[in-house]
N, C-alpha and C. Protein backbone atom coordinates (compact mmCIF):
# COMPACT_ATOMS: atom_id res chain seq x y z
N MET A 1 51.25 17.35 20.04
CA MET A 1 50.89 18.03 19.70
C MET A 1 50.62 18.38 17.90
N ARG A 2 51.26 17.51 17.47
CA ARG A 2 50.69 17.08 16.34
C ARG A 2 49.20 16.22 16.08
N ILE A 3 49.20 15.75 16.99
CA ILE A 3 47.87 14.69 16.71
C ILE A 3 46.85 15.77 16.73
N PRO A 4 46.57 16.99 17.75
CA PRO A 4 45.09 17.50 18.03
C PRO A 4 45.17 18.36 16.38
N ILE A 5 46.58 19.05 15.96
CA ILE A 5 46.45 19.51 14.67
C ILE A 5 46.04 18.35 13.59
N LEU A 6 46.51 17.23 13.59
CA LEU A 6 46.03 16.53 12.45
C LEU A 6 44.59 16.18 12.45
N VAL A 7 44.32 15.85 13.48
CA VAL A 7 42.63 15.91 13.75
C VAL A 7 41.80 16.75 13.55
N LEU A 8 42.41 17.93 13.87
CA LEU A 8 41.67 19.59 13.68
C LEU A 8 41.57 19.57 11.97
N ALA A 9 42.35 19.06 11.19
CA ALA A 9 43.11 18.99 9.38
C ALA A 9 41.81 18.03 9.31
N PHE A 10 42.05 16.85 9.67
CA PHE A 10 41.01 15.75 9.22
C PHE A 10 40.02 16.41 9.17
N TRP A 11 39.20 17.00 10.77
CA TRP A 11 38.04 16.91 11.29
C TRP A 11 36.75 16.82 10.10
N PRO A 12 36.60 17.78 8.73
CA PRO A 12 35.67 18.05 8.47
C PRO A 12 35.55 16.57 7.15
N ALA A 13 36.65 15.73 6.56
CA ALA A 13 36.71 14.36 6.42
C ALA A 13 35.41 13.45 7.27
N LEU A 14 36.70 13.60 8.52
CA LEU A 14 36.31 12.59 9.41
C LEU A 14 34.58 12.24 9.51
N ALA A 15 34.01 13.54 9.91
CA ALA A 15 32.57 14.42 10.37
C ALA A 15 31.45 13.79 9.47
N THR A 16 31.88 13.90 7.54
CA THR A 16 31.32 13.59 6.78
C THR A 16 30.90 11.95 6.74
N ALA A 17 32.42 11.01 6.59
CA ALA A 17 32.63 9.71 6.85
C ALA A 17 31.74 9.16 7.79
N GLN A 18 31.32 9.85 9.24
CA GLN A 18 30.42 9.20 10.09
C GLN A 18 29.04 9.19 9.72
N LEU A 19 28.92 10.50 8.46
CA LEU A 19 27.53 10.77 8.46
C LEU A 19 27.13 9.53 7.02
N HIS A 20 28.17 9.52 6.55
CA HIS A 20 27.63 8.65 5.70
C HIS A 20 27.56 7.06 6.35
N VAL A 21 27.95 6.82 7.08
CA VAL A 21 27.76 5.09 8.11
C VAL A 21 26.64 5.31 8.63
N SER A 22 26.36 6.42 9.17
CA SER A 22 25.07 6.28 9.94
C SER A 22 23.82 6.55 9.34
N ALA A 23 24.01 7.02 7.80
CA ALA A 23 22.36 6.60 7.42
C ALA A 23 21.74 5.64 7.65
N PRO A 24 20.71 6.00 7.74
CA PRO A 24 19.62 4.58 7.60
C PRO A 24 19.41 3.60 6.61
N LYS A 25 19.71 2.18 6.46
CA LYS A 25 19.50 1.54 5.10
C LYS A 25 18.31 1.43 5.17
N PRO A 26 17.67 1.92 3.67
CA PRO A 26 16.47 1.26 2.66
C PRO A 26 16.02 0.22 3.48
N ARG A 27 14.71 -0.29 3.89
CA ARG A 27 14.06 -0.88 4.08
C ARG A 27 13.43 -1.56 2.92
N PRO A 28 13.10 -2.82 3.45
CA PRO A 28 12.95 -3.64 2.12
C PRO A 28 11.55 -3.75 1.71
N ALA A 29 11.15 -4.27 0.87
CA ALA A 29 9.79 -4.05 0.75
C ALA A 29 8.99 -5.01 1.25
N ALA A 30 7.76 -4.58 1.99
CA ALA A 30 6.74 -5.25 2.23
C ALA A 30 6.07 -6.71 1.53
N PRO A 31 6.34 -7.72 1.95
CA PRO A 31 5.53 -8.72 1.19
C PRO A 31 4.10 -8.75 0.77
N ALA A 32 4.27 -9.32 -0.40
CA ALA A 32 2.95 -8.83 -0.90
C ALA A 32 1.82 -9.59 -0.57
N ARG A 33 0.44 -9.29 0.10
CA ARG A 33 -0.43 -10.11 0.84
C ARG A 33 -1.13 -11.10 -0.04
N ALA A 34 -1.62 -12.29 0.35
CA ALA A 34 -2.12 -13.34 0.18
C ALA A 34 -3.17 -12.86 -0.48
N ILE A 35 -3.62 -13.38 -1.48
CA ILE A 35 -4.98 -12.46 -2.35
C ILE A 35 -5.55 -14.41 -1.62
N THR A 36 -5.19 -15.49 -2.01
CA THR A 36 -5.47 -16.57 -1.80
C THR A 36 -6.77 -16.52 -0.33
N VAL A 37 -6.27 -15.81 0.87
CA VAL A 37 -6.75 -15.37 1.63
C VAL A 37 -7.74 -14.81 2.02
N SER A 38 -9.06 -15.64 2.37
CA SER A 38 -10.56 -15.16 1.90
C SER A 38 -11.57 -15.40 3.19
N TYR A 39 -12.91 -14.89 2.87
CA TYR A 39 -13.64 -15.63 4.14
C TYR A 39 -14.81 -16.12 3.32
N ARG A 40 -15.16 -16.94 3.84
CA ARG A 40 -16.05 -18.05 3.56
C ARG A 40 -17.22 -17.69 4.16
N PRO A 41 -18.54 -17.57 3.70
CA PRO A 41 -19.71 -16.99 4.21
C PRO A 41 -20.46 -17.70 5.06
N VAL A 42 -20.62 -17.41 6.16
CA VAL A 42 -21.35 -18.62 7.00
C VAL A 42 -23.13 -18.46 6.20
N ASP A 43 -23.36 -19.76 6.46
CA ASP A 43 -24.78 -20.09 6.06
C ASP A 43 -25.98 -19.99 7.22
N CYS A 44 -26.27 -18.86 7.19
CA CYS A 44 -27.76 -18.60 8.31
C CYS A 44 -28.55 -19.55 8.27
N LYS A 45 -28.83 -19.49 7.02
CA LYS A 45 -30.52 -20.24 6.26
C LYS A 45 -30.22 -21.63 7.30
N ARG A 46 -29.25 -22.18 7.29
CA ARG A 46 -29.08 -23.67 7.82
C ARG A 46 -29.43 -23.52 9.22
N LEU A 47 -28.70 -22.56 9.97
CA LEU A 47 -29.14 -22.22 11.62
C LEU A 47 -30.27 -21.85 11.80
N THR A 48 -31.03 -21.07 10.99
CA THR A 48 -32.71 -21.26 11.75
C THR A 48 -33.54 -22.73 11.13
N GLU A 49 -33.12 -23.26 9.83
CA GLU A 49 -34.31 -24.37 10.01
C GLU A 49 -33.83 -25.36 10.76
N HIS A 50 -32.70 -25.66 11.48
CA HIS A 50 -32.39 -26.26 12.26
C HIS A 50 -32.98 -25.88 14.24
N HIS A 51 -33.63 -24.76 13.96
CA HIS A 51 -33.63 -24.30 15.28
C HIS A 51 -34.88 -23.36 15.29
N PRO A 52 -36.00 -23.60 14.29
CA PRO A 52 -37.37 -23.02 14.00
C PRO A 52 -37.77 -21.79 14.94
N ALA A 53 -37.37 -22.51 16.29
CA ALA A 53 -38.23 -22.00 17.82
C ALA A 53 -37.38 -20.23 17.53
N GLN A 54 -36.36 -20.15 17.48
CA GLN A 54 -35.71 -19.43 17.77
C GLN A 54 -35.65 -18.39 16.69
N PRO A 55 -36.33 -17.41 15.74
CA PRO A 55 -35.81 -16.64 14.71
C PRO A 55 -35.08 -15.65 14.91
N TRP A 56 -35.05 -15.31 16.24
CA TRP A 56 -33.61 -14.44 16.73
C TRP A 56 -32.05 -15.28 16.19
N LEU A 57 -32.13 -16.15 16.17
CA LEU A 57 -30.50 -16.73 16.00
C LEU A 57 -30.27 -16.76 14.55
N ARG A 58 -31.41 -15.74 13.55
CA ARG A 58 -30.56 -15.70 12.47
C ARG A 58 -29.74 -14.25 12.33
N GLN A 59 -30.58 -13.97 12.83
CA GLN A 59 -29.78 -11.76 13.01
C GLN A 59 -28.86 -11.98 13.67
N VAL A 60 -28.78 -13.03 14.62
CA VAL A 60 -27.43 -12.82 15.36
C VAL A 60 -25.93 -13.56 14.72
N CYS A 61 -26.96 -14.08 14.06
CA CYS A 61 -25.53 -15.14 12.66
C CYS A 61 -24.89 -14.49 11.52
N GLU A 62 -26.04 -13.33 11.03
CA GLU A 62 -25.98 -12.14 9.96
C GLU A 62 -24.91 -11.01 10.42
N ASN A 63 -25.21 -11.04 11.87
CA ASN A 63 -24.42 -10.23 12.52
C ASN A 63 -22.96 -10.34 12.47
N THR A 64 -23.21 -11.57 13.16
CA THR A 64 -21.71 -12.36 13.81
C THR A 64 -20.76 -12.08 12.14
N ASP A 65 -21.71 -12.67 11.06
CA ASP A 65 -20.87 -12.75 10.05
C ASP A 65 -20.56 -11.60 9.28
N TYR A 66 -21.27 -10.61 9.35
CA TYR A 66 -20.95 -9.06 8.92
C TYR A 66 -19.61 -8.36 9.63
N ASN A 67 -19.64 -8.72 10.97
CA ASN A 67 -18.56 -8.12 11.94
C ASN A 67 -17.38 -8.85 11.07
N ALA A 68 -17.12 -10.26 11.12
CA ALA A 68 -16.25 -10.96 10.84
C ALA A 68 -15.45 -10.58 8.82
N SER A 69 -16.60 -10.62 8.15
CA SER A 69 -16.13 -9.89 6.99
C SER A 69 -15.80 -8.42 6.87
N MET A 70 -16.11 -7.73 7.94
CA MET A 70 -16.03 -6.54 8.18
C MET A 70 -14.03 -6.53 8.14
N VAL A 71 -14.09 -7.10 9.25
CA VAL A 71 -12.84 -6.92 9.98
C VAL A 71 -11.56 -7.64 9.29
N LEU A 72 -12.12 -9.02 8.41
CA LEU A 72 -11.20 -9.17 7.46
C LEU A 72 -11.56 -8.51 5.92
N ALA A 73 -12.00 -7.56 5.66
CA ALA A 73 -11.83 -6.79 4.79
C ALA A 73 -10.94 -5.72 4.83
N ARG A 74 -11.02 -4.77 6.34
CA ARG A 74 -10.28 -3.83 6.42
C ARG A 74 -9.13 -4.48 6.71
N GLY A 75 -9.10 -5.66 7.14
CA GLY A 75 -7.27 -5.55 7.22
C GLY A 75 -6.64 -6.09 6.04
N LEU A 76 -7.05 -6.51 5.09
CA LEU A 76 -6.83 -6.67 3.50
C LEU A 76 -6.97 -5.60 2.56
N GLY A 77 -7.19 -4.55 3.12
CA GLY A 77 -7.65 -3.47 2.44
C GLY A 77 -8.33 -3.40 1.32
N ARG A 78 -9.42 -4.44 1.55
CA ARG A 78 -10.23 -4.80 0.58
C ARG A 78 -11.93 -3.95 0.60
N PRO A 79 -12.82 -4.18 -0.46
CA PRO A 79 -14.27 -3.46 -0.51
C PRO A 79 -14.91 -3.82 1.16
N HIS A 80 -15.54 -2.79 1.64
CA HIS A 80 -16.51 -3.31 2.78
C HIS A 80 -18.16 -3.92 2.63
N PRO A 81 -18.14 -4.85 3.65
CA PRO A 81 -19.53 -5.79 3.36
C PRO A 81 -20.59 -4.37 3.57
N SER A 82 -21.83 -4.49 2.75
CA SER A 82 -22.53 -3.74 3.28
C SER A 82 -23.68 -4.48 4.68
N PRO A 83 -24.11 -3.22 5.98
CA PRO A 83 -24.49 -4.20 6.47
C PRO A 83 -26.10 -5.03 6.65
N SER A 84 -26.57 -4.83 5.52
CA SER A 84 -28.07 -5.12 5.14
C SER A 84 -27.56 -6.63 4.26
N VAL A 85 -28.31 -7.63 4.49
CA VAL A 85 -28.48 -8.78 3.77
C VAL A 85 -30.16 -8.67 3.02
N ILE A 86 -30.17 -8.79 1.56
CA ILE A 86 -31.83 -8.71 0.75
C ILE A 86 -31.48 -10.05 0.44
N GLY A 87 -32.96 -10.57 0.20
CA GLY A 87 -33.33 -11.53 -0.46
C GLY A 87 -33.21 -11.19 -2.55
N LEU A 88 -32.36 -12.43 -2.93
CA LEU A 88 -32.52 -12.68 -4.48
C LEU A 88 -32.68 -14.01 -4.79
N PRO A 89 -33.13 -14.24 -5.83
CA PRO A 89 -33.34 -15.30 -6.57
C PRO A 89 -31.67 -16.08 -6.43
N ALA A 90 -32.20 -17.41 -6.45
CA ALA A 90 -30.83 -18.26 -6.45
C ALA A 90 -29.91 -17.86 -8.12
N HIS A 91 -28.73 -17.85 -8.11
CA HIS A 91 -28.10 -18.27 -9.84
C HIS A 91 -28.98 -19.49 -10.44
N GLY A 92 -29.18 -18.99 -11.75
CA GLY A 92 -29.74 -20.40 -12.61
C GLY A 92 -31.10 -21.02 -12.23
N SER A 93 -31.88 -19.80 -11.69
CA SER A 93 -33.44 -19.49 -11.30
C SER A 93 -34.12 -18.90 -12.40
N ALA A 94 -34.97 -19.43 -12.58
CA ALA A 94 -35.99 -19.00 -13.48
C ALA A 94 -36.40 -16.86 -13.13
N PRO A 95 -36.43 -16.61 -12.43
CA PRO A 95 -36.96 -15.82 -11.69
C PRO A 95 -35.17 -14.68 -12.39
N ALA A 96 -34.29 -15.24 -11.78
CA ALA A 96 -32.67 -14.54 -11.84
C ALA A 96 -32.60 -14.57 -13.24
N ARG A 97 -33.00 -15.19 -14.22
CA ARG A 97 -33.03 -14.85 -14.99
C ARG A 97 -34.32 -14.12 -16.05
N GLN A 98 -35.02 -13.93 -15.83
CA GLN A 98 -36.35 -12.77 -15.75
C GLN A 98 -35.49 -11.31 -15.39
N TYR A 99 -35.44 -11.56 -14.19
CA TYR A 99 -34.94 -9.78 -13.49
C TYR A 99 -33.38 -9.63 -13.82
N GLY A 100 -32.73 -10.14 -14.05
CA GLY A 100 -31.07 -10.58 -13.95
C GLY A 100 -30.58 -10.26 -12.85
N LEU A 101 -31.06 -10.14 -11.88
CA LEU A 101 -30.54 -10.22 -10.95
C LEU A 101 -30.47 -11.36 -10.12
N ALA A 102 -28.80 -11.70 -9.48
CA ALA A 102 -29.09 -13.29 -8.73
C ALA A 102 -28.24 -12.72 -7.49
N CYS A 103 -28.40 -14.31 -6.81
CA CYS A 103 -27.58 -14.02 -5.45
C CYS A 103 -26.46 -15.48 -5.72
N ILE A 104 -24.74 -15.18 -5.50
CA ILE A 104 -24.06 -15.64 -5.83
C ILE A 104 -23.20 -16.02 -4.77
N GLY A 105 -23.28 -17.12 -3.95
CA GLY A 105 -21.98 -17.01 -2.87
C GLY A 105 -22.27 -15.88 -1.94
N GLN A 106 -23.42 -15.53 -1.67
CA GLN A 106 -24.07 -14.36 -1.10
C GLN A 106 -23.81 -13.14 -1.03
N LEU A 107 -23.55 -13.05 -2.43
CA LEU A 107 -22.93 -11.49 -3.17
C LEU A 107 -24.45 -11.60 -4.21
N GLY A 108 -24.39 -10.05 -3.72
CA GLY A 108 -25.72 -9.88 -4.76
C GLY A 108 -24.96 -9.25 -6.35
N MET A 109 -25.34 -9.74 -7.32
CA MET A 109 -24.52 -9.42 -8.76
C MET A 109 -26.13 -9.38 -9.29
N LYS A 110 -25.44 -8.28 -10.51
CA LYS A 110 -26.67 -8.30 -11.85
C LYS A 110 -25.73 -8.58 -13.58
N ARG A 111 -26.78 -9.01 -13.94
CA ARG A 111 -26.27 -9.84 -14.98
C ARG A 111 -25.94 -8.78 -15.95
N LEU A 112 -25.20 -8.64 -17.13
CA LEU A 112 -24.76 -7.86 -17.78
C LEU A 112 -24.78 -8.46 -19.19
N ASP A 113 -24.34 -7.85 -20.42
CA ASP A 113 -24.64 -8.44 -21.57
C ASP A 113 -23.20 -9.41 -21.36
N ASN A 114 -22.06 -8.76 -21.06
CA ASN A 114 -20.80 -10.06 -20.75
C ASN A 114 -19.85 -10.70 -19.64
N GLY A 115 -21.44 -10.21 -18.71
CA GLY A 115 -20.68 -11.10 -17.66
C GLY A 115 -21.77 -10.88 -16.38
N TRP A 116 -21.03 -10.58 -15.43
CA TRP A 116 -21.87 -10.05 -14.40
C TRP A 116 -21.17 -8.73 -13.30
N GLU A 117 -21.95 -8.13 -12.98
CA GLU A 117 -21.60 -6.96 -12.25
C GLU A 117 -21.83 -6.79 -10.52
N GLN A 118 -21.01 -7.18 -9.67
CA GLN A 118 -21.61 -6.91 -8.43
C GLN A 118 -22.32 -5.48 -7.50
N LEU A 119 -23.40 -6.10 -6.75
CA LEU A 119 -24.29 -4.65 -6.88
C LEU A 119 -23.51 -4.08 -5.22
N ARG A 120 -23.58 -2.91 -5.04
CA ARG A 120 -23.40 -1.94 -4.15
C ARG A 120 -24.26 -1.53 -3.47
N ASP A 121 -24.08 -1.23 -2.09
CA ASP A 121 -25.00 -0.17 -1.65
C ASP A 121 -24.99 1.52 -2.02
N ARG A 122 -25.56 2.28 -1.27
CA ARG A 122 -25.26 4.31 -1.46
C ARG A 122 -24.42 4.62 -1.09
N GLU A 123 -23.83 3.69 -0.02
CA GLU A 123 -22.20 4.25 0.14
C GLU A 123 -21.15 3.48 -0.23
N GLY A 124 -21.63 2.50 -1.83
CA GLY A 124 -20.35 1.99 -2.48
C GLY A 124 -19.85 0.74 -1.90
N ARG A 125 -20.58 -0.03 -1.01
CA ARG A 125 -20.68 -1.09 0.05
C ARG A 125 -20.63 -2.06 -0.84
N TYR A 126 -20.34 -3.23 -1.06
CA TYR A 126 -20.92 -4.25 -1.45
C TYR A 126 -21.86 -5.09 -0.96
N GLN A 127 -23.10 -5.51 -1.82
CA GLN A 127 -24.12 -5.50 -1.00
C GLN A 127 -24.39 -7.14 -0.95
N ARG A 128 -24.56 -7.79 0.07
CA ARG A 128 -24.78 -8.78 0.68
C ARG A 128 -25.82 -9.60 0.30
N CYS A 129 -26.27 -10.94 -0.10
CA CYS A 129 -27.74 -11.25 -0.12
C CYS A 129 -28.15 -12.92 0.54
N ARG A 130 -29.04 -12.86 0.42
CA ARG A 130 -29.40 -14.66 0.37
C ARG A 130 -30.45 -14.89 -0.56
N ASP A 131 -30.36 -16.33 -0.48
CA ASP A 131 -31.51 -16.59 -1.80
C ASP A 131 -32.94 -17.05 -1.63
N LEU A 132 -33.97 -16.36 -2.05
CA LEU A 132 -34.86 -16.57 -2.16
C LEU A 132 -35.67 -17.59 -2.29
């Protein structure tokens, strides 16, 4: 008879002790994403030089490159690429110096007084390019 009375007397303390024990442990912080992971764009110009009879190969290559870079950007939380590819003068060429626009690593860049700015399309996606 004493045991049930003791259990009833200590029940609030036992209930709170169980609540403290059953509380979930905090989750550890997620590991930082590797910044070194990047996508190297495909040089579609080489494909069309080797196969001049199939000009549609370049479009297929550019679409595949766009899809791969889009998936990577989405997965890493980076800005998305533009689906369009524009022609710009190569970096270091005379037209690039004249107009202040250049294609550097298949990214459209605009020359500023203190460096370069990445070109973006109307939706804010970074502009892809190919050398003229």
